Amino acid sequence: MSAWPASPPSARVVNVDGAAYVGQPVRVADSWLRHLGFVVRVNWRHTGQVPAGTVLSVGPDGQVRAGSTITVTGAVPPRQPSHTMPGQPNAGSGSGGWYSGQNDDHHSGGQSG
């Protein structure tokens, strides 16, 4: 992305073009929005329509006060059907991918490392 989809961080109100982030890696959107002075919250949604880690939506967009919380929704692979017997532990639980433990309603704390 050569031109960032928002105005400079020195502005009290920043124009955020949420649609410009769609299709970009979540880490890129997160980094740039933090650079602009926002608190970033990441939600994950299961979908097979786009690659995992891709931005699905950003909001609010338009004129947003610096320091506000911006929500970035990112894609994770669709859930796989469970092949366990009733009463048996779910073999799919536990740690695994970079999105491990995330679900449709889970929100990251917006912390990056």
PDB file of N, CA and C in Angstrom:
ATOM      1  N   MET A   1       0.870  -1.148   0.000  1.00  0.00           N
ATOM      2  CA  MET A   1       0.000   0.000   0.000  1.00  0.00           C
ATOM      3  C   MET A   1       0.919   1.212   0.000  1.00  0.00           C
ATOM      4  N   SER A   2       0.889   2.053  -0.999  1.00  0.00           N
ATOM      5  CA  SER A   2       1.804   3.184  -1.090  1.00  0.00           C
ATOM      6  C   SER A   2       1.306   4.409  -0.346  1.00  0.00           C
ATOM      7  N   ALA A   3       0.029   4.690  -0.361  1.00  0.00           N
ATOM      8  CA  ALA A   3      -0.531   5.839   0.359  1.00  0.00           C
ATOM      9  C   ALA A   3      -1.439   5.303   1.448  1.00  0.00           C
ATOM     10  N   TRP A   4      -1.208   5.722   2.689  1.00  0.00           N
ATOM     11  CA  TRP A   4      -1.997   5.216   3.802  1.00  0.00           C
ATOM     12  C   TRP A   4      -3.392   5.804   3.766  1.00  0.00           C
ATOM     13  N   PRO A   5      -4.401   4.996   4.087  1.00  0.00           N
ATOM     14  CA  PRO A   5      -5.796   5.419   3.978  1.00  0.00           C
ATOM     15  C   PRO A   5      -6.297   6.209   5.188  1.00  0.00           C
ATOM     16  N   ALA A   6      -5.566   7.239   5.586  1.00  0.00           N
ATOM     17  CA  ALA A   6      -6.018   8.121   6.664  1.00  0.00           C
ATOM     18  C   ALA A   6      -5.136   9.365   6.662  1.00  0.00           C
ATOM     19  N   SER A   7      -5.603  10.394   7.342  1.00  0.00           N
ATOM     20  CA  SER A   7      -4.837  11.636   7.422  1.00  0.00           C
ATOM     21  C   SER A   7      -3.733  11.513   8.465  1.00  0.00           C
ATOM     22  N   PRO A   8      -2.818  12.492   8.535  1.00  0.00           N
ATOM     23  CA  PRO A   8      -1.676  12.415   9.443  1.00  0.00           C
ATOM     24  C   PRO A   8      -2.080  12.322  10.915  1.00  0.00           C
ATOM     25  N   PRO A   9      -1.199  11.725  11.757  1.00  0.00           N
ATOM     26  CA  PRO A   9      -1.528  11.535  13.163  1.00  0.00           C
ATOM     27  C   PRO A   9      -1.605  12.831  13.958  1.00  0.00           C
ATOM     28  N   SER A  10      -1.089  13.935  13.443  1.00  0.00           N
ATOM     29  CA  SER A  10      -1.103  15.185  14.182  1.00  0.00           C
ATOM     30  C   SER A  10      -2.492  15.819  14.237  1.00  0.00           C
ATOM     31  N   ALA A  11      -3.407  15.383  13.379  1.00  0.00           N
ATOM     32  CA  ALA A  11      -4.762  15.936  13.362  1.00  0.00           C
ATOM     33  C   ALA A  11      -5.543  15.455  14.577  1.00  0.00           C
ATOM     34  N   ARG A  12      -6.381  16.335  15.134  1.00  0.00           N
ATOM     35  CA  ARG A  12      -7.220  15.956  16.282  1.00  0.00           C
ATOM     36  C   ARG A  12      -8.286  14.956  15.831  1.00  0.00           C
ATOM     37  N   VAL A  13      -8.826  15.154  14.656  1.00  0.00           N
ATOM     38  CA  VAL A  13      -9.776  14.226  14.057  1.00  0.00           C
ATOM     39  C   VAL A  13      -9.102  13.653  12.813  1.00  0.00           C
ATOM     40  N   VAL A  14      -9.130  12.338  12.708  1.00  0.00           N
ATOM     41  CA  VAL A  14      -8.453  11.649  11.612  1.00  0.00           C
ATOM     42  C   VAL A  14      -9.504  11.055  10.679  1.00  0.00           C
ATOM     43  N   ASN A  15      -9.300  11.237   9.378  1.00  0.00           N
ATOM     44  CA  ASN A  15     -10.193  10.635   8.389  1.00  0.00           C
ATOM     45  C   ASN A  15      -9.719   9.216   8.107  1.00  0.00           C
ATOM     46  N   VAL A  16     -10.498   8.230   8.532  1.00  0.00           N
ATOM     47  CA  VAL A  16     -10.152   6.823   8.346  1.00  0.00           C
ATOM     48  C   VAL A  16     -10.989   6.262   7.198  1.00  0.00           C
ATOM     49  N   ASP A  17     -10.314   5.735   6.199  1.00  0.00           N
ATOM     50  CA  ASP A  17     -10.978   5.090   5.072  1.00  0.00           C
ATOM     51  C   ASP A  17     -10.949   3.588   5.329  1.00  0.00           C
ATOM     52  N   GLY A  18     -11.939   3.075   6.053  1.00  0.00           N
ATOM     53  CA  GLY A  18     -11.972   1.670   6.437  1.00  0.00           C
ATOM     54  C   GLY A  18     -11.908   0.718   5.267  1.00  0.00           C
ATOM     55  N   ALA A  19     -12.558   1.059   4.171  1.00  0.00           N
ATOM     56  CA  ALA A  19     -12.575   0.182   2.993  1.00  0.00           C
ATOM     57  C   ALA A  19     -11.175  -0.010   2.412  1.00  0.00           C
ATOM     58  N   ALA A  20     -10.304   0.964   2.597  1.00  0.00           N
ATOM     59  CA  ALA A  20      -8.953   0.862   2.049  1.00  0.00           C
ATOM     60  C   ALA A  20      -8.121  -0.209   2.764  1.00  0.00           C
ATOM     61  N   TYR A  21      -8.502  -0.574   3.972  1.00  0.00           N
ATOM     62  CA  TYR A  21      -7.782  -1.608   4.720  1.00  0.00           C
ATOM     63  C   TYR A  21      -8.277  -3.012   4.381  1.00  0.00           C
ATOM     64  N   VAL A  22      -9.485  -3.140   3.853  1.00  0.00           N
ATOM     65  CA  VAL A  22     -10.055  -4.454   3.547  1.00  0.00           C
ATOM     66  C   VAL A  22      -9.155  -5.166   2.531  1.00  0.00           C
ATOM     67  N   GLY A  23      -8.821  -6.409   2.841  1.00  0.00           N
ATOM     68  CA  GLY A  23      -7.950  -7.201   1.975  1.00  0.00           C
ATOM     69  C   GLY A  23      -6.488  -7.112   2.348  1.00  0.00           C
ATOM     70  N   GLN A  24      -6.130  -6.180   3.232  1.00  0.00           N
ATOM     71  CA  GLN A  24      -4.755  -6.036   3.697  1.00  0.00           C
ATOM     72  C   GLN A  24      -4.526  -6.989   4.875  1.00  0.00           C
ATOM     73  N   PRO A  25      -3.264  -7.300   5.190  1.00  0.00           N
ATOM     74  CA  PRO A  25      -3.001  -8.111   6.391  1.00  0.00           C
ATOM     75  C   PRO A  25      -3.432  -7.366   7.657  1.00  0.00           C
ATOM     76  N   VAL A  26      -4.012  -8.089   8.612  1.00  0.00           N
ATOM     77  CA  VAL A  26      -4.451  -7.475   9.867  1.00  0.00           C
ATOM     78  C   VAL A  26      -3.282  -6.760  10.540  1.00  0.00           C
ATOM     79  N   ARG A  27      -2.092  -7.361  10.530  1.00  0.00           N
ATOM     80  CA  ARG A  27      -0.945  -6.743  11.197  1.00  0.00           C
ATOM     81  C   ARG A  27      -0.596  -5.389  10.600  1.00  0.00           C
ATOM     82  N   VAL A  28      -0.791  -5.206   9.305  1.00  0.00           N
ATOM     83  CA  VAL A  28      -0.520  -3.923   8.658  1.00  0.00           C
ATOM     84  C   VAL A  28      -1.542  -2.881   9.099  1.00  0.00           C
ATOM     85  N   ALA A  29      -2.823  -3.245   9.069  1.00  0.00           N
ATOM     86  CA  ALA A  29      -3.876  -2.322   9.500  1.00  0.00           C
ATOM     87  C   ALA A  29      -3.682  -1.954  10.967  1.00  0.00           C
ATOM     88  N   ASP A  30      -3.414  -2.938  11.803  1.00  0.00           N
ATOM     89  CA  ASP A  30      -3.197  -2.709  13.231  1.00  0.00           C
ATOM     90  C   ASP A  30      -2.037  -1.735  13.446  1.00  0.00           C
ATOM     91  N   SER A  31      -0.937  -1.975  12.793  1.00  0.00           N
ATOM     92  CA  SER A  31       0.246  -1.134  12.946  1.00  0.00           C
ATOM     93  C   SER A  31      -0.019   0.308  12.507  1.00  0.00           C
ATOM     94  N   TRP A  32      -0.626   0.462  11.349  1.00  0.00           N
ATOM     95  CA  TRP A  32      -0.853   1.815  10.844  1.00  0.00           C
ATOM     96  C   TRP A  32      -1.872   2.574  11.689  1.00  0.00           C
ATOM     97  N   LEU A  33      -2.942   1.920  12.096  1.00  0.00           N
ATOM     98  CA  LEU A  33      -3.948   2.594  12.916  1.00  0.00           C
ATOM     99  C   LEU A  33      -3.366   3.002  14.275  1.00  0.00           C
ATOM    100  N   ARG A  34      -2.500   2.182  14.847  1.00  0.00           N
ATOM    101  CA  ARG A  34      -1.815   2.563  16.090  1.00  0.00           C
ATOM    102  C   ARG A  34      -0.908   3.763  15.838  1.00  0.00           C
ATOM    103  N   HIS A  35      -0.228   3.745  14.713  1.00  0.00           N
ATOM    104  CA  HIS A  35       0.645   4.867  14.341  1.00  0.00           C
ATOM    105  C   HIS A  35      -0.156   6.176  14.251  1.00  0.00           C
ATOM    106  N   LEU A  36      -1.383   6.082  13.809  1.00  0.00           N
ATOM    107  CA  LEU A  36      -2.252   7.258  13.701  1.00  0.00           C
ATOM    108  C   LEU A  36      -2.837   7.692  15.041  1.00  0.00           C
ATOM    109  N   GLY A  37      -2.554   6.934  16.094  1.00  0.00           N
ATOM    110  CA  GLY A  37      -2.993   7.328  17.418  1.00  0.00           C
ATOM    111  C   GLY A  37      -4.259   6.678  17.913  1.00  0.00           C
ATOM    112  N   PHE A  38      -4.673   5.573  17.287  1.00  0.00           N
ATOM    113  CA  PHE A  38      -5.879   4.878  17.706  1.00  0.00           C
ATOM    114  C   PHE A  38      -5.551   3.705  18.619  1.00  0.00           C
ATOM    115  N   VAL A  39      -6.523   3.315  19.424  1.00  0.00           N
ATOM    116  CA  VAL A  39      -6.485   2.065  20.158  1.00  0.00           C
ATOM    117  C   VAL A  39      -7.133   1.057  19.216  1.00  0.00           C
ATOM    118  N   VAL A  40      -6.461  -0.061  18.963  1.00  0.00           N
ATOM    119  CA  VAL A  40      -6.975  -1.032  17.990  1.00  0.00           C
ATOM    120  C   VAL A  40      -7.467  -2.280  18.712  1.00  0.00           C
ATOM    121  N   ARG A  41      -8.675  -2.665  18.379  1.00  0.00           N
ATOM    122  CA  ARG A  41      -9.287  -3.891  18.882  1.00  0.00           C
ATOM    123  C   ARG A  41      -9.453  -4.809  17.676  1.00  0.00           C
ATOM    124  N   VAL A  42      -8.999  -6.066  17.801  1.00  0.00           N
ATOM    125  CA  VAL A  42      -9.111  -7.013  16.688  1.00  0.00           C
ATOM    126  C   VAL A  42     -10.123  -8.086  17.040  1.00  0.00           C
ATOM    127  N   ASN A  43     -11.118  -8.249  16.182  1.00  0.00           N
ATOM    128  CA  ASN A  43     -12.089  -9.347  16.265  1.00  0.00           C
ATOM    129  C   ASN A  43     -11.744 -10.323  15.148  1.00  0.00           C
ATOM    130  N   TRP A  44     -11.992 -11.593  15.392  1.00  0.00           N
ATOM    131  CA  TRP A  44     -11.733 -12.612  14.366  1.00  0.00           C
ATOM    132  C   TRP A  44     -13.044 -13.248  13.946  1.00  0.00           C
ATOM    133  N   ARG A  45     -13.192 -13.461  12.650  1.00  0.00           N
ATOM    134  CA  ARG A  45     -14.400 -14.094  12.111  1.00  0.00           C
ATOM    135  C   ARG A  45     -13.982 -15.276  11.237  1.00  0.00           C
ATOM    136  N   HIS A  46     -14.633 -16.408  11.462  1.00  0.00           N
ATOM    137  CA  HIS A  46     -14.364 -17.603  10.646  1.00  0.00           C
ATOM    138  C   HIS A  46     -14.956 -17.401   9.257  1.00  0.00           C
ATOM    139  N   THR A  47     -14.123 -17.585   8.250  1.00  0.00           N
ATOM    140  CA  THR A  47     -14.577 -17.480   6.862  1.00  0.00           C
ATOM    141  C   THR A  47     -13.604 -18.224   5.963  1.00  0.00           C
ATOM    142  N   GLY A  48     -14.121 -18.758   4.892  1.00  0.00           N
ATOM    143  CA  GLY A  48     -13.289 -19.394   3.879  1.00  0.00           C
ATOM    144  C   GLY A  48     -13.189 -18.528   2.634  1.00  0.00           C
ATOM    145  N   GLN A  49     -13.727 -17.317   2.715  1.00  0.00           N
ATOM    146  CA  GLN A  49     -13.796 -16.441   1.536  1.00  0.00           C
ATOM    147  C   GLN A  49     -12.484 -15.720   1.241  1.00  0.00           C
ATOM    148  N   VAL A  50     -11.664 -15.492   2.259  1.00  0.00           N
ATOM    149  CA  VAL A  50     -10.387 -14.786   2.082  1.00  0.00           C
ATOM    150  C   VAL A  50      -9.326 -15.500   2.908  1.00  0.00           C
ATOM    151  N   PRO A  51      -8.050 -15.260   2.623  1.00  0.00           N
ATOM    152  CA  PRO A  51      -6.992 -15.907   3.401  1.00  0.00           C
ATOM    153  C   PRO A  51      -7.019 -15.487   4.874  1.00  0.00           C
ATOM    154  N   ALA A  52      -6.617 -16.407   5.743  1.00  0.00           N
ATOM    155  CA  ALA A  52      -6.514 -16.099   7.169  1.00  0.00           C
ATOM    156  C   ALA A  52      -5.577 -14.918   7.375  1.00  0.00           C
ATOM    157  N   GLY A  53      -5.942 -14.057   8.324  1.00  0.00           N
ATOM    158  CA  GLY A  53      -5.117 -12.895   8.629  1.00  0.00           C
ATOM    159  C   GLY A  53      -5.432 -11.673   7.797  1.00  0.00           C
ATOM    160  N   THR A  54      -6.446 -11.767   6.938  1.00  0.00           N
ATOM    161  CA  THR A  54      -6.833 -10.672   6.056  1.00  0.00           C
ATOM    162  C   THR A  54      -7.929  -9.828   6.711  1.00  0.00           C
ATOM    163  N   VAL A  55      -7.845  -8.511   6.546  1.00  0.00           N
ATOM    164  CA  VAL A  55      -8.859  -7.615   7.090  1.00  0.00           C
ATOM    165  C   VAL A  55     -10.166  -7.783   6.326  1.00  0.00           C
ATOM    166  N   LEU A  56     -11.261  -7.970   7.086  1.00  0.00           N
ATOM    167  CA  LEU A  56     -12.604  -8.043   6.510  1.00  0.00           C
ATOM    168  C   LEU A  56     -13.313  -6.701   6.617  1.00  0.00           C
ATOM    169  N   SER A  57     -13.076  -5.983   7.720  1.00  0.00           N
ATOM    170  CA  SER A  57     -13.704  -4.675   7.903  1.00  0.00           C
ATOM    171  C   SER A  57     -12.947  -3.871   8.955  1.00  0.00           C
ATOM    172  N   VAL A  58     -13.140  -2.556   8.900  1.00  0.00           N
ATOM    173  CA  VAL A  58     -12.567  -1.625   9.863  1.00  0.00           C
ATOM    174  C   VAL A  58     -13.644  -0.613  10.204  1.00  0.00           C
ATOM    175  N   GLY A  59     -13.821  -0.348  11.471  1.00  0.00           N
ATOM    176  CA  GLY A  59     -14.814   0.647  11.842  1.00  0.00           C
ATOM    177  C   GLY A  59     -14.569   1.177  13.245  1.00  0.00           C
ATOM    178  N   PRO A  60     -15.001   2.343  13.539  1.00  0.00           N
ATOM    179  CA  PRO A  60     -15.711   3.206  12.598  1.00  0.00           C
ATOM    180  C   PRO A  60     -14.749   3.775  11.569  1.00  0.00           C
ATOM    181  N   ASP A  61     -15.305   4.263  10.495  1.00  0.00           N
ATOM    182  CA  ASP A  61     -14.479   4.976   9.529  1.00  0.00           C
ATOM    183  C   ASP A  61     -15.060   6.364   9.336  1.00  0.00           C
ATOM    184  N   GLY A  62     -14.431   7.139   8.485  1.00  0.00           N
ATOM    185  CA  GLY A  62     -14.823   8.537   8.338  1.00  0.00           C
ATOM    186  C   GLY A  62     -14.021   9.386   9.307  1.00  0.00           C
ATOM    187  N   GLN A  63     -14.607  10.454   9.818  1.00  0.00           N
ATOM    188  CA  GLN A  63     -13.942  11.357  10.753  1.00  0.00           C
ATOM    189  C   GLN A  63     -13.973  10.742  12.155  1.00  0.00           C
ATOM    190  N   VAL A  64     -12.804  10.338  12.654  1.00  0.00           N
ATOM    191  CA  VAL A  64     -12.698   9.677  13.950  1.00  0.00           C
ATOM    192  C   VAL A  64     -11.666  10.411  14.802  1.00  0.00           C
ATOM    193  N   ARG A  65     -12.022  10.682  16.037  1.00  0.00           N
ATOM    194  CA  ARG A  65     -11.120  11.386  16.953  1.00  0.00           C
ATOM    195  C   ARG A  65      -9.922  10.498  17.298  1.00  0.00           C
ATOM    196  N   ALA A  66      -8.717  11.039  17.176  1.00  0.00           N
ATOM    197  CA  ALA A  66      -7.501  10.320  17.558  1.00  0.00           C
ATOM    198  C   ALA A  66      -7.647   9.880  19.007  1.00  0.00           C
ATOM    199  N   GLY A  67      -7.176   8.680  19.327  1.00  0.00           N
ATOM    200  CA  GLY A  67      -7.308   8.119  20.661  1.00  0.00           C
ATOM    201  C   GLY A  67      -8.521   7.219  20.805  1.00  0.00           C
ATOM    202  N   SER A  68      -9.431   7.265  19.828  1.00  0.00           N
ATOM    203  CA  SER A  68     -10.618   6.411  19.848  1.00  0.00           C
ATOM    204  C   SER A  68     -10.232   4.964  19.549  1.00  0.00           C
ATOM    205  N   THR A  69     -11.154   4.056  19.852  1.00  0.00           N
ATOM    206  CA  THR A  69     -10.942   2.645  19.538  1.00  0.00           C
ATOM    207  C   THR A  69     -11.471   2.352  18.139  1.00  0.00           C
ATOM    208  N   ILE A  70     -10.634   1.736  17.341  1.00  0.00           N
ATOM    209  CA  ILE A  70     -10.999   1.276  15.996  1.00  0.00           C
ATOM    210  C   ILE A  70     -11.035  -0.244  16.052  1.00  0.00           C
ATOM    211  N   THR A  71     -12.081  -0.846  15.518  1.00  0.00           N
ATOM    212  CA  THR A  71     -12.201  -2.301  15.487  1.00  0.00           C
ATOM    213  C   THR A  71     -11.836  -2.818  14.101  1.00  0.00           C
ATOM    214  N   VAL A  72     -10.870  -3.715  14.073  1.00  0.00           N
ATOM    215  CA  VAL A  72     -10.448  -4.390  12.846  1.00  0.00           C
ATOM    216  C   VAL A  72     -10.964  -5.813  12.940  1.00  0.00           C
ATOM    217  N   THR A  73     -11.721  -6.258  11.943  1.00  0.00           N
ATOM    218  CA  THR A  73     -12.202  -7.641  11.905  1.00  0.00           C
ATOM    219  C   THR A  73     -11.349  -8.396  10.897  1.00  0.00           C
ATOM    220  N   GLY A  74     -10.719  -9.472  11.367  1.00  0.00           N
ATOM    221  CA  GLY A  74      -9.832 -10.266  10.525  1.00  0.00           C
ATOM    222  C   GLY A  74     -10.372 -11.666  10.307  1.00  0.00           C
ATOM    223  N   ALA A  75      -9.926 -12.288   9.244  1.00  0.00           N
ATOM    224  CA  ALA A  75     -10.384 -13.621   8.859  1.00  0.00           C
ATOM    225  C   ALA A  75      -9.542 -14.715   9.497  1.00  0.00           C
ATOM    226  N   VAL A  76     -10.221 -15.765   9.915  1.00  0.00           N
ATOM    227  CA  VAL A  76      -9.576 -17.018  10.302  1.00  0.00           C
ATOM    228  C   VAL A  76     -10.267 -18.128   9.522  1.00  0.00           C
ATOM    229  N   PRO A  77      -9.604 -19.274   9.350  1.00  0.00           N
ATOM    230  CA  PRO A  77     -10.222 -20.345   8.567  1.00  0.00           C
ATOM    231  C   PRO A  77     -11.551 -20.798   9.162  1.00  0.00           C
ATOM    232  N   PRO A  78     -12.428 -21.351   8.313  1.00  0.00           N
ATOM    233  CA  PRO A  78     -13.711 -21.857   8.822  1.00  0.00           C
ATOM    234  C   PRO A  78     -13.479 -22.958   9.851  1.00  0.00           C
ATOM    235  N   ARG A  79     -14.419 -23.075  10.743  1.00  0.00           N
ATOM    236  CA  ARG A  79     -14.338 -24.153  11.733  1.00  0.00           C
ATOM    237  C   ARG A  79     -14.471 -25.490  11.024  1.00  0.00           C
ATOM    238  N   GLN A  80     -13.704 -26.451  11.519  1.00  0.00           N
ATOM    239  CA  GLN A  80     -13.791 -27.808  10.984  1.00  0.00           C
ATOM    240  C   GLN A  80     -14.814 -28.579  11.810  1.00  0.00           C
ATOM    241  N   PRO A  81     -15.593 -29.437  11.177  1.00  0.00           N
ATOM    242  CA  PRO A  81     -16.558 -30.232  11.945  1.00  0.00           C
ATOM    243  C   PRO A  81     -15.826 -31.127  12.945  1.00  0.00           C
ATOM    244  N   SER A  82     -16.412 -31.284  14.099  1.00  0.00           N
ATOM    245  CA  SER A  82     -15.839 -32.126  15.136  1.00  0.00           C
ATOM    246  C   SER A  82     -16.115 -33.586  14.811  1.00  0.00           C
ATOM    247  N   HIS A  83     -15.100 -34.417  14.934  1.00  0.00           N
ATOM    248  CA  HIS A  83     -15.245 -35.848  14.667  1.00  0.00           C
ATOM    249  C   HIS A  83     -15.067 -36.649  15.953  1.00  0.00           C
ATOM    250  N   THR A  84     -15.436 -36.054  17.084  1.00  0.00           N
ATOM    251  CA  THR A  84     -15.285 -36.756  18.353  1.00  0.00           C
ATOM    252  C   THR A  84     -16.604 -37.383  18.763  1.00  0.00           C
ATOM    253  N   MET A  85     -16.502 -38.401  19.551  1.00  0.00           N
ATOM    254  CA  MET A  85     -17.683 -39.079  20.080  1.00  0.00           C
ATOM    255  C   MET A  85     -18.185 -38.287  21.279  1.00  0.00           C
ATOM    256  N   PRO A  86     -19.490 -38.325  21.541  1.00  0.00           N
ATOM    257  CA  PRO A  86     -20.001 -37.651  22.730  1.00  0.00           C
ATOM    258  C   PRO A  86     -19.271 -38.152  23.979  1.00  0.00           C
ATOM    259  N   GLY A  87     -18.880 -37.235  24.833  1.00  0.00           N
ATOM    260  CA  GLY A  87     -18.170 -37.584  26.054  1.00  0.00           C
ATOM    261  C   GLY A  87     -16.670 -37.686  25.888  1.00  0.00           C
ATOM    262  N   GLN A  88     -16.187 -37.600  24.655  1.00  0.00           N
ATOM    263  CA  GLN A  88     -14.752 -37.650  24.404  1.00  0.00           C
ATOM    264  C   GLN A  88     -14.198 -36.239  24.309  1.00  0.00           C
ATOM    265  N   PRO A  89     -12.939 -36.026  24.714  1.00  0.00           N
ATOM    266  CA  PRO A  89     -12.347 -34.691  24.578  1.00  0.00           C
ATOM    267  C   PRO A  89     -12.294 -34.281  23.108  1.00  0.00           C
ATOM    268  N   ASN A  90     -12.425 -33.024  22.856  1.00  0.00           N
ATOM    269  CA  ASN A  90     -12.361 -32.498  21.488  1.00  0.00           C
ATOM    270  C   ASN A  90     -10.911 -32.440  21.056  1.00  0.00           C
ATOM    271  N   ALA A  91     -10.555 -33.233  20.059  1.00  0.00           N
ATOM    272  CA  ALA A  91      -9.183 -33.280  19.568  1.00  0.00           C
ATOM    273  C   ALA A  91      -8.754 -31.960  18.964  1.00  0.00           C
ATOM    274  N   GLY A  92      -9.706 -31.127  18.570  1.00  0.00           N
ATOM    275  CA  GLY A  92      -9.364 -29.850  17.950  1.00  0.00           C
ATOM    276  C   GLY A  92      -9.118 -28.738  18.935  1.00  0.00           C
ATOM    277  N   SER A  93      -9.291 -28.983  20.228  1.00  0.00           N
ATOM    278  CA  SER A  93      -9.068 -27.912  21.187  1.00  0.00           C
ATOM    279  C   SER A  93      -7.598 -27.846  21.549  1.00  0.00           C
ATOM    280  N   GLY A  94      -7.200 -26.756  22.144  1.00  0.00           N
ATOM    281  CA  GLY A  94      -5.809 -26.576  22.534  1.00  0.00           C
ATOM    282  C   GLY A  94      -5.122 -25.613  21.616  1.00  0.00           C
ATOM    283  N   SER A  95      -3.822 -25.500  21.773  1.00  0.00           N
ATOM    284  CA  SER A  95      -3.085 -24.513  20.985  1.00  0.00           C
ATOM    285  C   SER A  95      -2.735 -25.086  19.623  1.00  0.00           C
ATOM    286  N   GLY A  96      -2.502 -24.189  18.698  1.00  0.00           N
ATOM    287  CA  GLY A  96      -2.198 -24.622  17.339  1.00  0.00           C
ATOM    288  C   GLY A  96      -1.727 -23.471  16.499  1.00  0.00           C
ATOM    289  N   GLY A  97      -2.608 -22.804  15.782  1.00  0.00           N
ATOM    290  CA  GLY A  97      -2.223 -21.743  14.850  1.00  0.00           C
ATOM    291  C   GLY A  97      -2.049 -20.404  15.515  1.00  0.00           C
ATOM    292  N   TRP A  98      -1.693 -19.417  14.745  1.00  0.00           N
ATOM    293  CA  TRP A  98      -1.501 -18.051  15.239  1.00  0.00           C
ATOM    294  C   TRP A  98      -2.783 -17.472  15.794  1.00  0.00           C
ATOM    295  N   TYR A  99      -3.915 -18.010  15.402  1.00  0.00           N
ATOM    296  CA  TYR A  99      -5.200 -17.514  15.873  1.00  0.00           C
ATOM    297  C   TYR A  99      -5.781 -18.441  16.937  1.00  0.00           C
ATOM    298  N   SER A 100      -4.956 -19.341  17.456  1.00  0.00           N
ATOM    299  CA  SER A 100      -5.418 -20.346  18.404  1.00  0.00           C
ATOM    300  C   SER A 100      -6.237 -19.738  19.534  1.00  0.00           C
ATOM    301  N   GLY A 101      -7.366 -20.343  19.802  1.00  0.00           N
ATOM    302  CA  GLY A 101      -8.224 -19.890  20.882  1.00  0.00           C
ATOM    303  C   GLY A 101      -9.164 -18.782  20.477  1.00  0.00           C
ATOM    304  N   GLN A 102      -9.082 -18.312  19.274  1.00  0.00           N
ATOM    305  CA  GLN A 102      -9.951 -17.239  18.812  1.00  0.00           C
ATOM    306  C   GLN A 102     -11.256 -17.845  18.342  1.00  0.00           C
ATOM    307  N   ASN A 103     -12.338 -17.120  18.531  1.00  0.00           N
ATOM    308  CA  ASN A 103     -13.618 -17.554  17.984  1.00  0.00           C
ATOM    309  C   ASN A 103     -14.378 -16.348  17.473  1.00  0.00           C
ATOM    310  N   ASP A 104     -15.561 -16.563  16.961  1.00  0.00           N
ATOM    311  CA  ASP A 104     -16.323 -15.475  16.347  1.00  0.00           C
ATOM    312  C   ASP A 104     -16.514 -14.277  17.255  1.00  0.00           C
ATOM    313  N   ASP A 105     -16.624 -14.502  18.560  1.00  0.00           N
ATOM    314  CA  ASP A 105     -16.940 -13.426  19.479  1.00  0.00           C
ATOM    315  C   ASP A 105     -15.738 -12.989  20.301  1.00  0.00           C
ATOM    316  N   HIS A 106     -14.571 -13.527  20.024  1.00  0.00           N
ATOM    317  CA  HIS A 106     -13.393 -13.202  20.823  1.00  0.00           C
ATOM    318  C   HIS A 106     -12.775 -11.903  20.346  1.00  0.00           C
ATOM    319  N   HIS A 107     -12.324 -11.117  21.266  1.00  0.00           N
ATOM    320  CA  HIS A 107     -11.677  -9.854  20.959  1.00  0.00           C
ATOM    321  C   HIS A 107     -10.272  -9.888  21.514  1.00  0.00           C
ATOM    322  N   SER A 108      -9.298  -9.496  20.717  1.00  0.00           N
ATOM    323  CA  SER A 108      -7.965  -9.392  21.269  1.00  0.00           C
ATOM    324  C   SER A 108      -7.904  -8.145  22.119  1.00  0.00           C
ATOM    325  N   GLY A 109      -6.944  -8.094  22.967  1.00  0.00           N
ATOM    326  CA  GLY A 109      -6.778  -6.921  23.811  1.00  0.00           C
ATOM    327  C   GLY A 109      -6.176  -5.767  23.060  1.00  0.00           C
ATOM    328  N   GLY A 110      -5.864  -5.959  21.780  1.00  0.00           N
ATOM    329  CA  GLY A 110      -5.295  -4.883  20.990  1.00  0.00           C
ATOM    330  C   GLY A 110      -3.830  -4.637  21.299  1.00  0.00           C
ATOM    331  N   GLN A 111      -3.195  -5.575  21.964  1.00  0.00           N
ATOM    332  CA  GLN A 111      -1.791  -5.387  22.303  1.00  0.00           C
ATOM    333  C   GLN A 111      -0.937  -6.031  21.234  1.00  0.00           C
ATOM    334  N   SER A 112       0.097  -5.356  20.845  1.00  0.00           N
ATOM    335  CA  SER A 112       1.022  -5.948  19.884  1.00  0.00           C
ATOM    336  C   SER A 112       2.366  -6.077  20.551  1.00  0.00           C
ATOM    337  N   GLY A 113       3.170  -6.991  20.065  1.00  0.00           N
ATOM    338  CA  GLY A 113       4.443  -7.237  20.741  1.00  0.00           C
ATOM    339  C   GLY A 113       5.560  -7.151  19.842  1.00  0.00           C
TER     340      GLY A 113
END
